[in-house]
Amino acid sequence: MTAPWEIDVLTAARSREAGALLLDVREPDELALCALPGCTAIPLGEVPAGLARLPRDRDILVLCHHGSRSRLAVRFLREQGFDRASNVTGGIDAWARQVDPALPRY
């Protein structure tokens, strides 16, 4: 089953509750400012080395700050056969605005 290339944050939140993996590709200093509990954090530049940490049998929701880096990560993951990877449009910023307003924004 191939997942959509991009999904909105509300859909991503529901998918996460249903068992999808949330992959955050932001840098550690960004995660220190704002992070979602239970996410898998692999900075974008380390995604190639971190492929073994990612499941091929479940949806992977990739996010960054606004959606640009996560889009690159999804493209790479799809090229590696992770056809269930989707970009979370708007990233953690949209998540903080639409899903969890208690999250700090930066």
C-alpha atoms as a PDB file:
ATOM      1  CA  MET A   1       0.000   0.000   0.000  1.00  0.00           C
ATOM      2  CA  THR A   2       1.411   3.365  -1.003  1.00  0.00           C
ATOM      3  CA  ALA A   3       0.708   6.310   1.296  1.00  0.00           C
ATOM      4  CA  PRO A   4      -0.043   9.819   0.005  1.00  0.00           C
ATOM      5  CA  TRP A   5       3.010  12.025  -0.554  1.00  0.00           C
ATOM      6  CA  GLU A   6       1.674  14.723   1.739  1.00  0.00           C
ATOM      7  CA  ILE A   7      -0.861  14.868   4.547  1.00  0.00           C
ATOM      8  CA  ASP A   8      -2.106  17.670   6.758  1.00  0.00           C
ATOM      9  CA  VAL A   9      -1.386  17.786  10.476  1.00  0.00           C
ATOM     10  CA  LEU A  10      -4.902  16.812  11.549  1.00  0.00           C
ATOM     11  CA  THR A  11      -4.743  13.665   9.425  1.00  0.00           C
ATOM     12  CA  ALA A  12      -1.221  13.011  10.698  1.00  0.00           C
ATOM     13  CA  ALA A  13      -2.366  13.267  14.319  1.00  0.00           C
ATOM     14  CA  ARG A  14      -5.153  10.734  13.703  1.00  0.00           C
ATOM     15  CA  SER A  15      -2.760   8.423  11.828  1.00  0.00           C
ATOM     16  CA  ARG A  16      -0.252   8.650  14.666  1.00  0.00           C
ATOM     17  CA  GLU A  17      -2.940   7.632  17.155  1.00  0.00           C
ATOM     18  CA  ALA A  18      -3.700   4.665  14.876  1.00  0.00           C
ATOM     19  CA  GLY A  19      -0.072   3.482  14.981  1.00  0.00           C
ATOM     20  CA  ALA A  20       1.860   5.446  12.366  1.00  0.00           C
ATOM     21  CA  LEU A  21       5.465   6.331  13.176  1.00  0.00           C
ATOM     22  CA  LEU A  22       6.225  10.034  13.495  1.00  0.00           C
ATOM     23  CA  LEU A  23       9.712  10.820  12.174  1.00  0.00           C
ATOM     24  CA  ASP A  24      11.069  14.249  13.100  1.00  0.00           C
ATOM     25  CA  VAL A  25      13.993  15.298  10.879  1.00  0.00           C
ATOM     26  CA  ARG A  26      14.800  18.567  12.667  1.00  0.00           C
ATOM     27  CA  GLU A  27      18.126  19.246  14.352  1.00  0.00           C
ATOM     28  CA  PRO A  28      18.691  18.553  18.084  1.00  0.00           C
ATOM     29  CA  ASP A  29      18.653  22.264  18.971  1.00  0.00           C
ATOM     30  CA  GLU A  30      15.200  22.566  17.377  1.00  0.00           C
ATOM     31  CA  LEU A  31      13.950  19.493  19.218  1.00  0.00           C
ATOM     32  CA  ALA A  32      15.110  21.105  22.472  1.00  0.00           C
ATOM     33  CA  LEU A  33      12.730  24.007  21.751  1.00  0.00           C
ATOM     34  CA  CYS A  34       9.724  21.903  20.842  1.00  0.00           C
ATOM     35  CA  ALA A  35       9.254  18.158  20.372  1.00  0.00           C
ATOM     36  CA  LEU A  36       6.387  15.723  20.242  1.00  0.00           C
ATOM     37  CA  PRO A  37       6.627  12.914  22.797  1.00  0.00           C
ATOM     38  CA  GLY A  38       7.233   9.493  21.331  1.00  0.00           C
ATOM     39  CA  CYS A  39       8.517  10.633  17.974  1.00  0.00           C
ATOM     40  CA  THR A  40      11.557   9.103  16.319  1.00  0.00           C
ATOM     41  CA  ALA A  41      14.132  11.856  15.833  1.00  0.00           C
ATOM     42  CA  ILE A  42      16.699  11.536  13.061  1.00  0.00           C
ATOM     43  CA  PRO A  43      18.144  14.794  11.683  1.00  0.00           C
ATOM     44  CA  LEU A  44      17.753  15.077   7.916  1.00  0.00           C
ATOM     45  CA  GLY A  45      21.472  14.621   7.250  1.00  0.00           C
ATOM     46  CA  GLU A  46      21.479  11.377   9.240  1.00  0.00           C
ATOM     47  CA  VAL A  47      18.423   9.770   7.615  1.00  0.00           C
ATOM     48  CA  PRO A  48      20.508   7.662   5.169  1.00  0.00           C
ATOM     49  CA  ALA A  49      22.442   6.130   8.069  1.00  0.00           C
ATOM     50  CA  GLY A  50      19.261   5.682  10.099  1.00  0.00           C
ATOM     51  CA  LEU A  51      17.222   3.640   7.621  1.00  0.00           C
ATOM     52  CA  ALA A  52      17.549   0.480   9.715  1.00  0.00           C
ATOM     53  CA  ARG A  53      15.625   2.245  12.508  1.00  0.00           C
ATOM     54  CA  LEU A  54      12.587   2.762  10.287  1.00  0.00           C
ATOM     55  CA  PRO A  55       9.798   0.254   9.664  1.00  0.00           C
ATOM     56  CA  ARG A  56       8.778  -0.706   6.160  1.00  0.00           C
ATOM     57  CA  ASP A  57       5.483  -2.209   7.285  1.00  0.00           C
ATOM     58  CA  ARG A  58       3.750   0.863   8.715  1.00  0.00           C
ATOM     59  CA  ASP A  59       3.097   4.463   7.799  1.00  0.00           C
ATOM     60  CA  ILE A  60       5.902   6.947   8.446  1.00  0.00           C
ATOM     61  CA  LEU A  61       4.843  10.556   8.957  1.00  0.00           C
ATOM     62  CA  VAL A  62       7.793  12.872   8.414  1.00  0.00           C
ATOM     63  CA  LEU A  63       7.880  16.386   9.787  1.00  0.00           C
ATOM     64  CA  CYS A  64      10.281  19.261  10.305  1.00  0.00           C
ATOM     65  CA  HIS A  65       9.690  22.914  11.161  1.00  0.00           C
ATOM     66  CA  HIS A  66       7.545  23.938   8.163  1.00  0.00           C
ATOM     67  CA  GLY A  67       7.688  20.995   5.730  1.00  0.00           C
ATOM     68  CA  SER A  68      10.634  21.613   3.392  1.00  0.00           C
ATOM     69  CA  ARG A  69      13.220  19.296   4.959  1.00  0.00           C
ATOM     70  CA  SER A  70      10.630  16.619   5.611  1.00  0.00           C
ATOM     71  CA  ARG A  71       9.650  16.757   1.921  1.00  0.00           C
ATOM     72  CA  LEU A  72      13.287  16.024   1.029  1.00  0.00           C
ATOM     73  CA  ALA A  73      13.351  13.167   3.537  1.00  0.00           C
ATOM     74  CA  VAL A  74      10.180  11.658   2.072  1.00  0.00           C
ATOM     75  CA  ARG A  75      11.622  11.844  -1.433  1.00  0.00           C
ATOM     76  CA  PHE A  76      14.735  10.012  -0.230  1.00  0.00           C
ATOM     77  CA  LEU A  77      12.725   7.434   1.731  1.00  0.00           C
ATOM     78  CA  ARG A  78      10.495   6.739  -1.271  1.00  0.00           C
ATOM     79  CA  GLU A  79      13.598   6.226  -3.427  1.00  0.00           C
ATOM     80  CA  GLN A  80      14.749   3.651  -0.857  1.00  0.00           C
ATOM     81  CA  GLY A  81      11.464   1.752  -1.048  1.00  0.00           C
ATOM     82  CA  PHE A  82       9.631   3.294   1.909  1.00  0.00           C
ATOM     83  CA  ASP A  83       6.407   3.803  -0.018  1.00  0.00           C
ATOM     84  CA  ARG A  84       4.427   4.413   3.167  1.00  0.00           C
ATOM     85  CA  ALA A  85       6.327   7.641   3.990  1.00  0.00           C
ATOM     86  CA  SER A  86       4.343  10.904   3.884  1.00  0.00           C
ATOM     87  CA  ASN A  87       5.301  14.526   4.385  1.00  0.00           C
ATOM     88  CA  VAL A  88       3.405  16.340   7.139  1.00  0.00           C
ATOM     89  CA  THR A  89       2.642  19.680   5.504  1.00  0.00           C
ATOM     90  CA  GLY A  90       3.275  22.705   7.668  1.00  0.00           C
ATOM     91  CA  GLY A  91       5.483  20.718  10.044  1.00  0.00           C
ATOM     92  CA  ILE A  92       5.672  21.221  13.787  1.00  0.00           C
ATOM     93  CA  ASP A  93       4.593  24.837  13.341  1.00  0.00           C
ATOM     94  CA  ALA A  94       1.237  23.783  11.864  1.00  0.00           C
ATOM     95  CA  TRP A  95       0.974  21.015  14.480  1.00  0.00           C
ATOM     96  CA  ALA A  96       1.321  23.639  17.235  1.00  0.00           C
ATOM     97  CA  ARG A  97      -1.291  25.859  15.598  1.00  0.00           C
ATOM     98  CA  GLN A  98      -3.859  23.207  14.672  1.00  0.00           C
ATOM     99  CA  VAL A  99      -3.358  20.122  16.856  1.00  0.00           C
ATOM    100  CA  ASP A 100      -1.656  21.119  20.113  1.00  0.00           C
ATOM    101  CA  PRO A 101      -1.644  24.869  20.838  1.00  0.00           C
ATOM    102  CA  ALA A 102       0.262  24.207  24.083  1.00  0.00           C
ATOM    103  CA  LEU A 103       3.402  23.431  22.055  1.00  0.00           C
ATOM    104  CA  PRO A 104       5.872  26.310  21.856  1.00  0.00           C
ATOM    105  CA  ARG A 105       6.375  27.883  18.432  1.00  0.00           C
ATOM    106  CA  TYR A 106       9.666  29.245  17.162  1.00  0.00           C
END
